[in-house]
C-alpha atoms as a PDB file:
ATOM      1  CA  UNK A   1      89.234  96.594 106.223  1.00  0.00           C
ATOM      2  CA  UNK A   2      87.033  96.295 103.153  1.00  0.00           C
ATOM      3  CA  UNK A   3      86.657  93.020 101.350  1.00  0.00           C
ATOM      4  CA  UNK A   4      87.768  92.556  97.776  1.00  0.00           C
ATOM      5  CA  UNK A   5      84.131  92.081  96.684  1.00  0.00           C
ATOM      6  CA  UNK A   6      83.192  95.495  98.120  1.00  0.00           C
ATOM      7  CA  UNK A   7      86.116  97.096  96.313  1.00  0.00           C
ATOM      8  CA  UNK A   8      85.111  95.420  93.070  1.00  0.00           C
ATOM      9  CA  UNK A   9      81.519  96.629  93.427  1.00  0.00           C
ATOM     10  CA  UNK A  10      82.742 100.147  94.177  1.00  0.00           C
ATOM     11  CA  UNK A  11      84.908 100.103  91.071  1.00  0.00           C
ATOM     12  CA  UNK A  12      82.044  98.802  88.940  1.00  0.00           C
ATOM     13  CA  UNK A  13      79.691 101.495  90.270  1.00  0.00           C
ATOM     14  CA  UNK A  14      82.313 104.132  89.469  1.00  0.00           C
ATOM     15  CA  UNK A  15      82.696 102.950  85.875  1.00  0.00           C
ATOM     16  CA  UNK A  16      78.930 102.682  85.493  1.00  0.00           C
ATOM     17  CA  UNK A  17      78.508 106.324  86.520  1.00  0.00           C
ATOM     18  CA  UNK A  18      81.377 107.435  84.296  1.00  0.00           C
ATOM     19  CA  UNK A  19      79.831 105.614  81.349  1.00  0.00           C
ATOM     20  CA  UNK A  20      76.483 107.284  82.019  1.00  0.00           C
ATOM     21  CA  UNK A  21      78.153 110.697  81.922  1.00  0.00           C
ATOM     22  CA  UNK A  22      79.853 109.803  78.635  1.00  0.00           C
ATOM     23  CA  UNK A  23      76.454 108.822  77.197  1.00  0.00           C
ATOM     24  CA  UNK A  24      74.995 112.118  78.350  1.00  0.00           C
ATOM     25  CA  UNK A  25      77.831 114.023  76.704  1.00  0.00           C
ATOM     26  CA  UNK A  26      77.336 112.126  73.455  1.00  0.00           C
ATOM     27  CA  UNK A  27      73.607 112.878  73.483  1.00  0.00           C
ATOM     28  CA  UNK A  28      74.364 116.579  73.946  1.00  0.00           C
ATOM     29  CA  UNK A  29      76.808 116.482  71.034  1.00  0.00           C
ATOM     30  CA  UNK A  30      74.247 114.786  68.806  1.00  0.00           C
ATOM     31  CA  UNK A  31      71.642 117.407  69.655  1.00  0.00           C
ATOM     32  CA  UNK A  32      74.188 120.149  68.989  1.00  0.00           C
ATOM     33  CA  UNK A  33      74.534 118.791  65.470  1.00  0.00           C
ATOM     34  CA  UNK A  34      70.775 118.638  64.989  1.00  0.00           C
ATOM     35  CA  UNK A  35      69.624 121.845  66.699  1.00  0.00           C
ATOM     36  CA  UNK A  36      72.750 123.854  67.417  1.00  0.00           C
ATOM     37  CA  UNK A  37      74.332 124.764  70.729  1.00  0.00           C
ATOM     38  CA  UNK A  38      71.229 125.957  72.536  1.00  0.00           C
ATOM     39  CA  UNK A  39      69.996 125.854  76.083  1.00  0.00           C
ATOM     40  CA  UNK A  40      67.013 123.829  74.899  1.00  0.00           C
ATOM     41  CA  UNK A  41      69.175 120.984  73.570  1.00  0.00           C
ATOM     42  CA  UNK A  42      71.100 120.668  76.840  1.00  0.00           C
ATOM     43  CA  UNK A  43      67.893 120.964  78.862  1.00  0.00           C
ATOM     44  CA  UNK A  44      66.305 118.200  76.786  1.00  0.00           C
ATOM     45  CA  UNK A  45      69.207 115.840  77.453  1.00  0.00           C
ATOM     46  CA  UNK A  46      69.337 116.563  81.184  1.00  0.00           C
ATOM     47  CA  UNK A  47      65.549 116.225  81.501  1.00  0.00           C
ATOM     48  CA  UNK A  48      65.534 112.914  79.612  1.00  0.00           C
ATOM     49  CA  UNK A  49      68.452 111.634  81.690  1.00  0.00           C
ATOM     50  CA  UNK A  50      66.811 112.571  84.995  1.00  0.00           C
ATOM     51  CA  UNK A  51      63.444 111.204  83.854  1.00  0.00           C
ATOM     52  CA  UNK A  52      65.134 107.921  82.993  1.00  0.00           C
ATOM     53  CA  UNK A  53      66.741 107.751  86.415  1.00  0.00           C
ATOM     54  CA  UNK A  54      63.466 108.529  88.150  1.00  0.00           C
ATOM     55  CA  UNK A  55      61.373 106.124  86.093  1.00  0.00           C
ATOM     56  CA  UNK A  56      63.945 103.361  86.492  1.00  0.00           C
ATOM     57  CA  UNK A  57      64.044 103.821  90.252  1.00  0.00           C
ATOM     58  CA  UNK A  58      60.250 103.897  90.448  1.00  0.00           C
ATOM     59  CA  UNK A  59      59.699 100.927  88.142  1.00  0.00           C
ATOM     60  CA  UNK A  60      62.527  98.646  89.283  1.00  0.00           C
ATOM     61  CA  UNK A  61      63.120  99.871  92.826  1.00  0.00           C
ATOM     62  CA  UNK A  62      60.578  97.663  94.538  1.00  0.00           C
ATOM     63  CA  UNK A  63      61.408  94.702  92.320  1.00  0.00           C
ATOM     64  CA  UNK A  64      65.096  95.027  93.147  1.00  0.00           C
ATOM     65  CA  UNK A  65      64.336  95.115  96.868  1.00  0.00           C
ATOM     66  CA  UNK A  66      62.504  91.776  96.600  1.00  0.00           C
ATOM     67  CA  UNK A  67      65.043  90.128  94.283  1.00  0.00           C
ATOM     68  CA  UNK A  68      67.054  87.354  95.983  1.00  0.00           C
ATOM     69  CA  UNK A  69      70.317  88.589  94.414  1.00  0.00           C
ATOM     70  CA  UNK A  70      70.092  92.361  93.810  1.00  0.00           C
ATOM     71  CA  UNK A  71      73.749  92.662  92.753  1.00  0.00           C
ATOM     72  CA  UNK A  72      73.209  90.049  90.030  1.00  0.00           C
ATOM     73  CA  UNK A  73      70.088  91.889  88.873  1.00  0.00           C
ATOM     74  CA  UNK A  74      72.074  95.109  88.685  1.00  0.00           C
ATOM     75  CA  UNK A  75      74.782  93.354  86.704  1.00  0.00           C
ATOM     76  CA  UNK A  76      72.279  92.036  84.171  1.00  0.00           C
ATOM     77  CA  UNK A  77      70.740  95.477  83.827  1.00  0.00           C
ATOM     78  CA  UNK A  78      74.181  96.979  83.201  1.00  0.00           C
ATOM     79  CA  UNK A  79      74.849  94.349  80.535  1.00  0.00           C
ATOM     80  CA  UNK A  80      71.514  95.213  78.883  1.00  0.00           C
ATOM     81  CA  UNK A  81      72.418  98.919  78.927  1.00  0.00           C
ATOM     82  CA  UNK A  82      75.801  98.123  77.391  1.00  0.00           C
ATOM     83  CA  UNK A  83      74.204  96.091  74.603  1.00  0.00           C
ATOM     84  CA  UNK A  84      71.750  98.906  73.941  1.00  0.00           C
ATOM     85  CA  UNK A  85      74.658 101.355  73.865  1.00  0.00           C
ATOM     86  CA  UNK A  86      76.380  99.301  71.172  1.00  0.00           C
ATOM     87  CA  UNK A  87      73.283  98.497  69.115  1.00  0.00           C
ATOM     88  CA  UNK A  88      71.525 101.884  69.125  1.00  0.00           C
ATOM     89  CA  UNK A  89      74.264 103.866  67.337  1.00  0.00           C
ATOM     90  CA  UNK A  90      74.453 101.123  64.718  1.00  0.00           C
ATOM     91  CA  UNK A  91      70.718 101.525  64.092  1.00  0.00           C
ATOM     92  CA  UNK A  92      71.111 105.291  63.712  1.00  0.00           C
ATOM     93  CA  UNK A  93      74.306 105.159  61.645  1.00  0.00           C
ATOM     94  CA  UNK A  94      73.855 107.094  58.398  1.00  0.00           C
ATOM     95  CA  UNK A  95      73.633 104.831  55.389  1.00  0.00           C
ATOM     96  CA  UNK A  96      74.546 105.973  51.887  1.00  0.00           C
ATOM     97  CA  UNK A  97      71.537 106.596  49.731  1.00  0.00           C
ATOM     98  CA  UNK A  98      70.971 104.533  46.614  1.00  0.00           C
ATOM     99  CA  UNK A  99      71.336 107.586  44.419  1.00  0.00           C
ATOM    100  CA  UNK A 100      74.808 108.278  45.831  1.00  0.00           C
ATOM    101  CA  UNK A 101      75.820 104.661  45.156  1.00  0.00           C
ATOM    102  CA  UNK A 102      74.670 104.907  41.551  1.00  0.00           C
ATOM    103  CA  UNK A 103      76.647 108.116  40.994  1.00  0.00           C
ATOM    104  CA  UNK A 104      79.952 106.617  42.129  1.00  0.00           C
END
């Protein structure tokens, strides 16, 4: 029988993967708005997503193997990704121009 910690980790991994797919879908939607529904926009998102996975595994893979608590490291990385996910749309949020404010 599996321990409750293993079930919790499995659930967290599931939600992490689901969140990553939601991010990928949002990136595709944003590129649709910028460039239209083209094969190039979807290819760009998939290539960037896969490059990020590969670079992250290459860059942090060996460090994670030597870390004394790899699950804690993974948790901190997930928290950092979550913070980036909240902060980055706020940085890109369209702001009203000064000329539009003066016209109102």
